[in-house]
Protein backbone atom coordinates (compact mmCIF):
# COMPACT_ATOMS: atom_id res chain seq x y z
CA MET A 1 -10.96 -47.60 -4.62
CA SER A 2 -13.06 -46.32 -1.72
CA GLY A 3 -12.03 -42.99 -0.24
CA ILE A 4 -11.28 -42.08 3.34
CA ASP A 5 -13.30 -39.27 4.84
CA VAL A 6 -10.55 -37.59 6.83
CA HIS A 7 -12.97 -35.10 8.40
CA GLN A 8 -13.91 -37.68 11.02
CA PHE A 9 -10.38 -37.39 12.45
CA PHE A 10 -10.34 -33.61 12.78
CA TYR A 11 -10.87 -32.19 16.24
CA GLY A 12 -10.44 -29.13 18.39
CA GLU A 13 -10.03 -25.44 17.68
CA ALA A 14 -7.20 -23.76 15.79
CA GLU A 15 -5.72 -22.42 19.04
CA GLN A 16 -4.79 -25.98 20.06
CA PHE A 17 -2.48 -26.29 17.07
CA VAL A 18 -1.06 -22.88 16.18
CA SER A 19 1.68 -20.85 17.86
CA PRO A 20 0.76 -18.34 20.60
CA ALA A 21 1.61 -15.45 18.27
CA SER A 22 -1.02 -16.69 15.82
CA HIS A 23 -3.83 -16.60 18.38
CA GLN A 24 -4.28 -12.86 18.00
CA MET A 25 -4.03 -12.76 14.21
CA ARG A 26 -7.06 -11.04 12.72
CA THR A 27 -8.64 -11.48 9.34
CA SER A 28 -8.34 -8.41 7.12
CA GLN A 29 -11.46 -6.26 7.42
CA ILE A 30 -11.01 -5.25 3.79
CA LEU A 31 -11.27 -8.89 2.73
CA GLN A 32 -14.35 -9.30 4.91
CA ILE A 33 -15.99 -6.33 3.19
CA ALA A 34 -14.97 -7.75 -0.20
CA GLY A 35 -16.76 -10.99 0.70
CA GLU A 36 -19.88 -9.03 1.60
CA VAL A 37 -19.74 -7.26 -1.76
CA ARG A 38 -19.34 -10.54 -3.65
CA SER A 39 -22.35 -11.98 -1.83
CA MET A 40 -24.52 -8.98 -2.74
CA VAL A 41 -23.45 -9.12 -6.40
CA ALA A 42 -24.17 -12.86 -6.48
CA ASP A 43 -27.67 -12.09 -5.19
CA GLY A 44 -28.23 -9.72 -8.11
CA HIS A 45 -27.57 -6.36 -6.44
CA GLU A 46 -25.79 -3.57 -8.29
CA VAL A 47 -22.70 -2.49 -6.35
CA CYS A 48 -20.16 0.20 -7.24
CA ASN A 49 -17.13 -1.39 -5.62
CA LEU A 50 -14.77 1.27 -4.29
CA THR A 51 -13.07 -1.05 -1.78
CA VAL A 52 -10.28 -2.89 -3.55
CA GLY A 53 -6.82 -1.48 -4.18
CA ASP A 54 -6.82 -3.26 -7.50
CA PHE A 55 -7.45 -2.62 -11.19
CA LEU A 56 -9.96 -4.10 -13.60
CA PRO A 57 -7.95 -4.99 -16.72
CA GLN A 58 -10.67 -3.67 -19.06
CA HIS A 59 -10.15 -0.22 -17.54
CA PHE A 60 -6.45 -0.45 -16.69
CA PRO A 61 -4.58 -3.07 -18.76
CA ILE A 62 -0.91 -3.71 -18.07
CA PRO A 63 1.60 -2.10 -20.48
CA ALA A 64 1.78 -3.77 -23.89
CA VAL A 65 5.58 -4.08 -23.76
CA LEU A 66 5.36 -5.91 -20.44
CA SER A 67 2.61 -8.24 -21.64
CA GLU A 68 4.28 -9.11 -24.93
CA ARG A 69 7.67 -9.86 -23.39
CA ALA A 70 6.22 -11.97 -20.57
CA GLN A 71 4.11 -13.99 -23.01
CA GLN A 72 7.12 -14.51 -25.25
CA ALA A 73 9.10 -15.73 -22.27
CA TYR A 74 6.51 -18.43 -21.62
CA LYS A 75 6.57 -19.44 -25.28
CA ASP A 76 10.37 -19.58 -25.20
CA GLY A 77 10.38 -21.82 -22.13
CA GLU A 78 11.94 -19.24 -19.81
CA THR A 79 10.17 -20.76 -16.84
CA ASN A 80 13.05 -22.05 -14.72
CA TYR A 81 14.22 -20.62 -11.40
CA PRO A 82 15.35 -17.00 -11.47
CA PRO A 83 18.22 -15.92 -9.19
CA PRO A 84 16.97 -15.54 -5.60
CA ASP A 85 17.48 -11.77 -5.68
CA GLY A 86 16.02 -11.34 -9.17
CA ILE A 87 17.25 -11.41 -12.76
CA LYS A 88 20.07 -9.01 -13.56
CA SER A 89 18.25 -7.08 -16.30
CA LEU A 90 15.36 -6.26 -13.94
CA ARG A 91 17.65 -5.16 -11.13
CA GLU A 92 19.52 -2.98 -13.63
CA GLY A 93 16.24 -1.55 -14.92
CA ILE A 94 15.04 -0.63 -11.41
CA ALA A 95 18.38 1.01 -10.61
CA ALA A 96 18.14 2.98 -13.86
CA LEU A 97 14.55 4.00 -13.03
CA TYR A 98 15.60 5.35 -9.65
CA GLN A 99 18.46 7.25 -11.28
CA ARG A 100 16.23 8.69 -14.01
CA LYS A 101 13.16 9.58 -11.94
CA LEU A 102 14.51 10.12 -8.42
CA GLY A 103 18.09 11.18 -9.10
CA LEU A 104 19.40 8.38 -6.84
CA ASN A 105 22.30 6.18 -7.94
CA TYR A 106 21.72 2.97 -6.02
CA GLY A 107 22.99 0.50 -8.62
CA PRO A 108 21.67 -3.03 -9.28
CA GLU A 109 23.64 -4.46 -6.34
CA CYS A 110 21.16 -2.66 -4.06
CA VAL A 111 18.03 -4.20 -5.62
CA CYS A 112 16.33 -7.37 -4.38
CA ILE A 113 13.29 -8.75 -6.25
CA GLY A 114 10.40 -10.54 -4.57
CA SER A 115 6.90 -11.79 -5.36
CA GLY A 116 5.20 -8.46 -4.76
CA ALA A 117 5.91 -5.84 -2.11
CA ARG A 118 4.86 -7.98 0.85
CA PRO A 119 7.80 -10.44 0.86
CA PRO A 120 10.40 -7.62 1.03
CA ILE A 121 8.43 -6.05 3.90
CA PHE A 122 8.23 -9.43 5.64
CA ALA A 123 11.92 -10.05 5.01
CA ALA A 124 12.92 -6.61 6.31
CA LEU A 125 11.03 -7.14 9.56
CA SER A 126 12.44 -10.66 9.89
CA LEU A 127 16.02 -9.51 9.36
CA LEU A 128 15.93 -6.32 11.38
CA THR A 129 13.52 -6.76 14.29
CA GLN A 130 13.18 -9.05 17.27
CA PRO A 131 10.17 -9.64 19.55
CA GLY A 132 9.79 -6.65 21.83
CA ASP A 133 11.52 -4.19 19.50
CA VAL A 134 9.68 -0.91 19.03
CA THR A 135 8.24 -0.40 15.56
CA VAL A 136 6.44 2.80 14.57
CA SER A 137 3.82 3.79 11.99
CA CYS A 138 1.02 6.33 11.68
CA LEU A 139 -2.74 5.98 11.83
CA PRO A 140 -4.28 5.15 9.45
CA ALA A 141 -1.84 2.85 7.64
CA TRP A 142 -2.00 -0.35 5.63
CA ASN A 143 -1.40 -3.68 7.40
CA MET A 144 1.08 -2.52 10.04
CA SER A 145 -0.82 -4.02 12.97
CA TYR A 146 -0.85 -7.43 11.29
CA TYR A 147 2.93 -7.38 10.86
CA ALA A 148 3.39 -6.22 14.46
CA GLN A 149 1.35 -9.21 15.63
CA ILE A 150 3.31 -11.64 13.49
CA PHE A 151 6.71 -10.36 14.63
CA GLN A 152 5.59 -9.59 18.21
CA THR A 153 7.03 -6.09 18.12
CA ASN A 154 6.01 -3.38 20.53
CA HIS A 155 4.23 -1.27 17.94
CA VAL A 156 3.59 2.45 18.40
CA PHE A 157 0.87 4.11 16.33
CA LEU A 158 1.24 7.86 15.83
CA GLU A 159 -2.14 9.58 15.61
CA THR A 160 -2.66 11.92 12.68
CA THR A 161 -5.22 14.43 11.45
CA ALA A 162 -6.73 15.43 8.13
CA GLU A 163 -5.09 18.83 8.52
CA ASN A 164 -1.68 17.10 8.31
CA ASN A 165 -2.77 14.89 5.39
CA PHE A 166 -2.88 11.99 7.87
CA PHE A 167 0.90 12.00 8.32
CA PRO A 168 2.70 12.33 11.66
CA THR A 169 4.58 15.48 12.56
CA VAL A 170 8.37 15.57 12.84
CA ALA A 171 8.00 16.11 16.59
CA GLN A 172 5.86 12.98 16.96
CA VAL A 173 8.45 10.84 15.19
CA ALA A 174 11.41 12.43 16.99
CA ALA A 175 9.80 11.75 20.38
CA VAL A 176 9.66 7.98 19.80
CA LEU A 177 12.97 7.56 17.94
CA PRO A 178 15.20 7.03 21.02
CA ARG A 179 13.50 3.68 21.68
CA ALA A 180 12.58 2.70 18.11
CA ARG A 181 14.10 0.03 15.90
CA MET A 182 12.05 0.70 12.77
CA VAL A 183 9.84 3.50 11.45
CA MET A 184 7.39 2.52 8.72
CA LEU A 185 6.29 5.27 6.36
CA ASN A 186 4.12 5.06 3.23
CA THR A 187 3.67 7.88 0.68
CA PRO A 188 1.46 8.33 -1.29
CA LEU A 189 -0.46 6.90 1.62
CA ASN A 190 -2.81 3.97 1.57
CA PRO A 191 -5.65 4.49 2.57
CA THR A 192 -5.80 8.29 2.27
CA GLY A 193 -4.30 9.01 -1.15
CA THR A 194 -2.30 11.85 0.41
CA VAL A 195 1.37 12.80 -0.03
CA ILE A 196 3.87 13.67 2.69
CA SER A 197 5.14 17.25 2.58
CA GLU A 198 8.77 18.08 1.85
CA ASP A 199 9.43 19.67 5.22
CA VAL A 200 8.00 16.72 7.16
CA MET A 201 9.89 14.17 5.08
CA ARG A 202 13.11 16.11 5.44
CA GLY A 203 12.58 16.55 9.18
CA ILE A 204 11.95 12.84 9.75
CA ALA A 205 15.03 11.87 7.71
CA GLU A 206 17.19 14.36 9.63
CA ALA A 207 15.85 13.07 12.95
CA ILE A 208 16.74 9.48 11.99
CA VAL A 209 20.28 10.54 11.07
CA ALA A 210 20.66 12.43 14.35
CA GLU A 211 19.34 9.50 16.37
CA ASN A 212 21.75 7.09 14.73
CA LEU A 213 24.67 9.45 15.36
CA ARG A 214 23.65 9.42 19.03
CA ARG A 215 23.71 5.60 19.00
CA ALA A 216 27.20 5.42 17.49
CA GLY A 217 29.55 3.60 19.84
CA THR A 218 26.72 2.08 21.87
CA ASP A 219 25.21 -1.39 21.71
CA GLN A 220 21.94 0.04 20.37
CA ARG A 221 21.29 -1.00 16.78
CA PRO A 222 20.41 1.74 14.26
CA VAL A 223 16.83 2.83 13.76
CA MET A 224 15.73 1.98 10.22
CA LEU A 225 13.17 3.60 7.91
CA LEU A 226 10.98 1.19 5.95
CA PHE A 227 9.93 3.53 3.15
CA ASP A 228 6.94 2.14 1.23
CA GLN A 229 6.58 4.07 -2.03
CA VAL A 230 4.61 1.58 -4.12
CA TYR A 231 2.35 4.40 -5.39
CA TRP A 232 5.06 6.97 -6.16
CA LEU A 233 4.62 6.83 -9.94
CA LEU A 234 0.90 7.52 -9.48
CA ILE A 235 1.41 11.02 -8.08
CA ALA A 236 -1.06 13.76 -9.03
CA ASP A 237 0.21 16.34 -11.53
CA ASN A 238 0.10 19.14 -8.96
CA CYS A 239 2.00 17.16 -6.28
CA THR A 240 5.59 16.04 -5.74
CA HIS A 241 6.93 12.76 -4.37
CA HIS A 242 9.54 13.47 -1.70
CA HIS A 243 12.16 10.78 -1.14
CA PRO A 244 14.10 10.81 2.16
CA VAL A 245 17.48 10.01 0.58
CA ARG A 246 17.04 12.69 -2.06
CA LEU A 247 16.36 15.24 0.70
CA VAL A 248 18.90 13.95 3.25
CA PRO A 249 21.52 11.74 1.55
CA GLU A 250 23.09 10.87 4.91
CA CYS A 251 20.05 8.73 5.78
CA ALA A 252 20.77 6.29 2.91
CA PRO A 253 22.31 3.56 5.17
CA TYR A 254 19.09 3.43 7.18
CA VAL A 255 16.46 3.41 4.40
CA ILE A 256 14.84 0.31 2.91
CA ASN A 257 12.73 1.25 -0.11
CA ILE A 258 9.69 -0.93 -0.78
CA ASP A 259 8.30 -0.80 -4.30
CA ALA A 260 6.43 -2.91 -6.85
CA ALA A 261 4.96 -3.19 -10.31
CA SER A 262 1.60 -3.99 -8.71
CA LYS A 263 0.19 -0.46 -8.67
CA SER A 264 2.35 1.54 -11.07
CA PHE A 265 1.78 -0.87 -13.96
CA ALA A 266 -1.66 -2.21 -12.89
CA GLY A 267 -0.01 -5.60 -12.40
CA THR A 268 -1.33 -6.68 -9.00
CA GLY A 269 -1.58 -10.30 -10.11
CA LEU A 270 1.89 -10.41 -11.65
CA ARG A 271 3.47 -10.47 -8.17
CA VAL A 272 6.69 -8.58 -8.85
CA GLY A 273 7.98 -6.25 -6.17
CA TRP A 274 11.35 -5.21 -4.84
CA ALA A 275 13.39 -3.65 -2.09
CA VAL A 276 16.13 -1.13 -2.77
CA LEU A 277 18.47 -1.10 0.19
CA PRO A 278 22.13 -0.90 1.23
CA PRO A 279 24.19 -3.61 -0.52
CA THR A 280 25.29 -5.05 2.83
CA LEU A 281 21.62 -5.95 3.47
CA GLN A 282 20.69 -6.87 -0.11
CA GLU A 283 22.47 -10.23 0.00
CA ARG A 284 20.84 -11.15 3.32
CA MET A 285 17.40 -10.21 2.03
CA GLY A 286 17.90 -12.20 -1.18
CA ALA A 287 18.92 -15.27 0.80
CA PHE A 288 15.98 -14.88 3.17
CA MET A 289 13.42 -14.55 0.39
CA GLY A 290 15.05 -17.49 -1.39
CA HIS A 291 14.39 -19.64 1.67
CA MET A 292 10.81 -18.33 1.68
CA GLY A 293 10.44 -19.28 -1.98
CA ALA A 294 9.28 -15.71 -2.59
CA TRP A 295 10.74 -15.42 -6.09
CA ALA A 296 8.75 -13.46 -8.61
CA PRO A 297 7.96 -15.53 -11.75
CA LYS A 298 10.76 -15.26 -14.27
CA PRO A 299 8.57 -14.40 -17.32
CA GLU A 300 7.00 -11.49 -15.42
CA GLN A 301 10.43 -10.28 -14.32
CA LEU A 302 11.55 -10.33 -17.95
CA GLY A 303 8.43 -8.42 -18.98
CA ILE A 304 8.96 -5.64 -16.46
CA ALA A 305 12.66 -5.48 -17.34
CA ALA A 306 11.69 -4.95 -20.98
CA LEU A 307 9.31 -2.15 -20.02
CA LEU A 308 11.92 -0.39 -17.88
CA ALA A 309 14.41 -0.68 -20.74
CA ASP A 310 11.97 1.29 -22.94
CA PRO A 311 11.53 4.61 -21.05
CA ALA A 312 9.48 6.22 -23.81
CA SER A 313 6.88 3.43 -23.70
CA MET A 314 6.84 3.43 -19.93
CA ASP A 315 6.39 7.20 -19.68
CA ALA A 316 3.58 7.19 -22.24
CA TYR A 317 1.82 4.40 -20.38
CA MET A 318 2.20 6.18 -17.03
CA ALA A 319 0.92 9.50 -18.41
CA ASP A 320 -2.21 7.80 -19.75
CA MET A 321 -2.75 5.81 -16.57
CA ARG A 322 -2.39 8.85 -14.32
CA SER A 323 -4.81 10.75 -16.54
CA ARG A 324 -7.49 8.07 -16.27
CA ILE A 325 -7.00 7.70 -12.51
CA ALA A 326 -7.18 11.48 -12.09
CA ALA A 327 -10.42 11.66 -14.08
CA ARG A 328 -12.04 9.22 -11.66
CA LEU A 329 -10.64 10.74 -8.47
CA ASP A 330 -11.47 14.27 -9.62
CA ALA A 331 -15.04 13.24 -10.46
CA LEU A 332 -15.49 11.75 -6.99
CA TYR A 333 -13.98 14.79 -5.29
CA ALA A 334 -16.07 17.25 -7.32
CA GLY A 335 -19.25 15.29 -6.60
CA ILE A 336 -18.60 15.24 -2.87
CA MET A 337 -17.77 18.95 -2.80
CA GLU A 338 -21.03 19.65 -4.65
CA MET A 339 -22.92 17.74 -1.95
CA ARG A 340 -21.09 19.82 0.65
CA SER A 341 -22.06 23.04 -1.13
CA ARG A 342 -25.68 21.93 -0.90
CA GLY A 343 -25.41 21.61 2.87
CA LEU A 344 -24.65 17.92 3.33
CA PRO A 345 -22.16 17.22 6.17
CA VAL A 346 -19.55 15.58 3.96
CA ASP A 347 -15.94 16.37 3.13
CA ALA A 348 -13.00 15.04 1.13
CA ILE A 349 -9.32 15.76 0.55
CA ALA A 350 -8.38 16.78 -2.98
CA PRO A 351 -6.60 13.94 -4.82
CA GLN A 352 -2.83 13.88 -4.37
CA GLY A 353 -1.65 10.42 -5.36
CA ALA A 354 -2.33 6.68 -5.57
CA ILE A 355 -5.85 5.48 -6.46
CA TYR A 356 -7.63 6.58 -3.28
CA LEU A 357 -9.81 9.43 -2.10
CA SER A 358 -10.38 10.28 1.58
CA PHE A 359 -14.12 10.84 2.09
CA GLN A 360 -15.82 11.89 5.33
CA VAL A 361 -19.45 11.68 6.37
CA ASP A 362 -19.50 13.94 9.44
CA MET A 363 -22.65 12.55 11.02
CA ILE A 364 -21.49 10.43 13.95
CA GLY A 365 -24.03 10.96 16.73
CA ARG A 366 -26.47 12.69 14.40
CA GLY A 367 -27.78 10.11 11.98
CA TYR A 368 -25.18 7.38 12.51
CA ASP A 369 -23.68 5.79 15.61
CA SER A 370 -20.39 4.72 14.03
CA THR A 371 -18.27 4.85 10.87
CA GLU A 372 -19.05 1.17 10.36
CA GLU A 373 -22.76 1.99 10.32
CA ILE A 374 -22.10 4.61 7.62
CA ARG A 375 -20.21 2.04 5.55
CA THR A 376 -22.96 -0.55 5.95
CA HIS A 377 -25.68 1.95 5.06
CA LEU A 378 -23.89 3.11 1.92
CA LEU A 379 -23.41 -0.48 0.81
CA ARG A 380 -26.92 -1.77 1.48
CA ASP A 381 -28.97 1.32 0.67
CA ALA A 382 -26.81 3.07 -1.94
CA GLY A 383 -25.04 0.09 -3.47
CA VAL A 384 -21.64 1.74 -2.92
CA ALA A 385 -18.86 -0.23 -1.21
CA VAL A 386 -16.20 1.76 0.67
CA VAL A 387 -13.70 0.97 3.44
CA PRO A 388 -13.67 2.74 6.83
CA PHE A 389 -10.37 4.04 8.14
CA GLY A 390 -10.95 1.67 11.06
CA ALA A 391 -9.82 -1.12 8.73
CA PHE A 392 -6.44 0.63 8.80
CA ASP A 393 -6.26 0.69 12.61
CA MET A 394 -7.66 4.20 13.10
CA PRO A 395 -9.83 3.72 16.19
CA ASP A 396 -11.79 6.97 16.24
CA ASP A 397 -15.33 7.00 14.90
CA ASN A 398 -14.76 10.08 12.75
CA GLY A 399 -16.66 9.17 9.59
CA TRP A 400 -13.56 8.91 7.35
CA LEU A 401 -13.73 6.33 4.54
CA ARG A 402 -11.47 5.20 1.70
CA MET A 403 -12.70 5.20 -1.90
CA SER A 404 -10.62 3.28 -4.47
CA VAL A 405 -11.13 3.89 -8.19
CA GLY A 406 -9.09 1.24 -10.01
CA ALA A 407 -11.98 -1.15 -10.56
CA VAL A 408 -14.75 1.19 -11.72
CA SER A 409 -15.65 3.31 -14.74
CA GLU A 410 -16.42 7.03 -14.71
CA ALA A 411 -20.03 6.23 -15.59
CA GLU A 412 -20.35 3.99 -12.52
CA LEU A 413 -19.01 6.79 -10.33
CA ALA A 414 -21.62 9.25 -11.60
CA GLY A 415 -24.43 6.92 -10.56
CA ALA A 416 -22.74 6.10 -7.25
CA LEU A 417 -22.51 9.78 -6.28
CA LEU A 418 -26.25 10.26 -6.84
CA ARG A 419 -27.04 7.23 -4.66
CA ILE A 420 -24.62 8.35 -1.91
CA GLU A 421 -26.30 11.76 -1.74
CA ALA A 422 -29.76 10.23 -1.55
CA ALA A 423 -28.72 7.78 1.18
CA ILE A 424 -27.11 10.48 3.34
CA GLN A 425 -30.00 12.87 2.76
CA ALA A 426 -32.37 10.22 4.08
CA ARG A 427 -30.55 10.20 7.45
CA LEU A 428 -30.61 13.97 7.99
């Protein structure tokens, strides 16, 4: 049978076909950089890839309990539809984890499972915002501008500084709350690897409670806090994860926790995430994600449920994982501080959490014209791939870059630091 070449019937540009809201949608700069790295590697260049928020399984395998149970589920034919809000044993395991580690008794009726953290975020914005609503996040922050474009919200970015660990102040958040519908907060923060302080977290939670008390009896809907804590189990040993409900229990009705197995258990490809939220919203979110078809695969859900039901195995895995992440982040930080001690205009923030290090090359206007030029130079001349904070909506050319360590060995980092120093030295 002869085939039909359908390409002859295609015409026009995408804008003729897609919705107006899609016209402004941008491709992720991180994915563009990843494509550049792949092209260089394919051409035979050595690249230390510090761009991806992912894990190489040879360095960071998933927990054995998780793997064994998921594989057994496939062998046993447990491949049918799970409940739209997730299997009961996994929801119970997440509730128990929050009770054990955070001291918060949410209960399984508050847990909604999705295929990674993104569907619960998407569902929360779909259920709680309308076009024109004010949404708020800080700069830099992961993906918020993309979601604002999709949902056509009036998004407010709060500018931050390294001195504040790249988090907004309580005063900044309080000033925008009277017109806000949703505040989006991520800690440990992607891209900076920094952790919000207790006083700032408490102050923001108290401000949200006060604002919602002011709205009581009016037609203004409550302001909600989308609290993204997907890296909370990867906190540095000398730091503390501060949860808003733990600090200010009265804010519980307004908090939607976003979490996942993706980072904590090195399972980015397993696609299991969840929201923990008030039970009145849990049913709506489960129904919404069911219509999206955003179920997490049942065998993976069973695997994570088995891991959570074995706290000793989980804690041992997490201790080892944090140790290996810390070794890499500490090596990067020490290497950069050594360069600084030798007079190079570089800086970094000591590791606090997640898999990221904030790294600055303070040479804009004296060796480089932009942060993007620094990134390009490090990639092409030093063979080190990093991501500028501009990829996370931070507009200033301030030389700040993200380094991610989940896909590299300690030996690779040692060589990368030497090449970074040589490349920067050549521009002085």
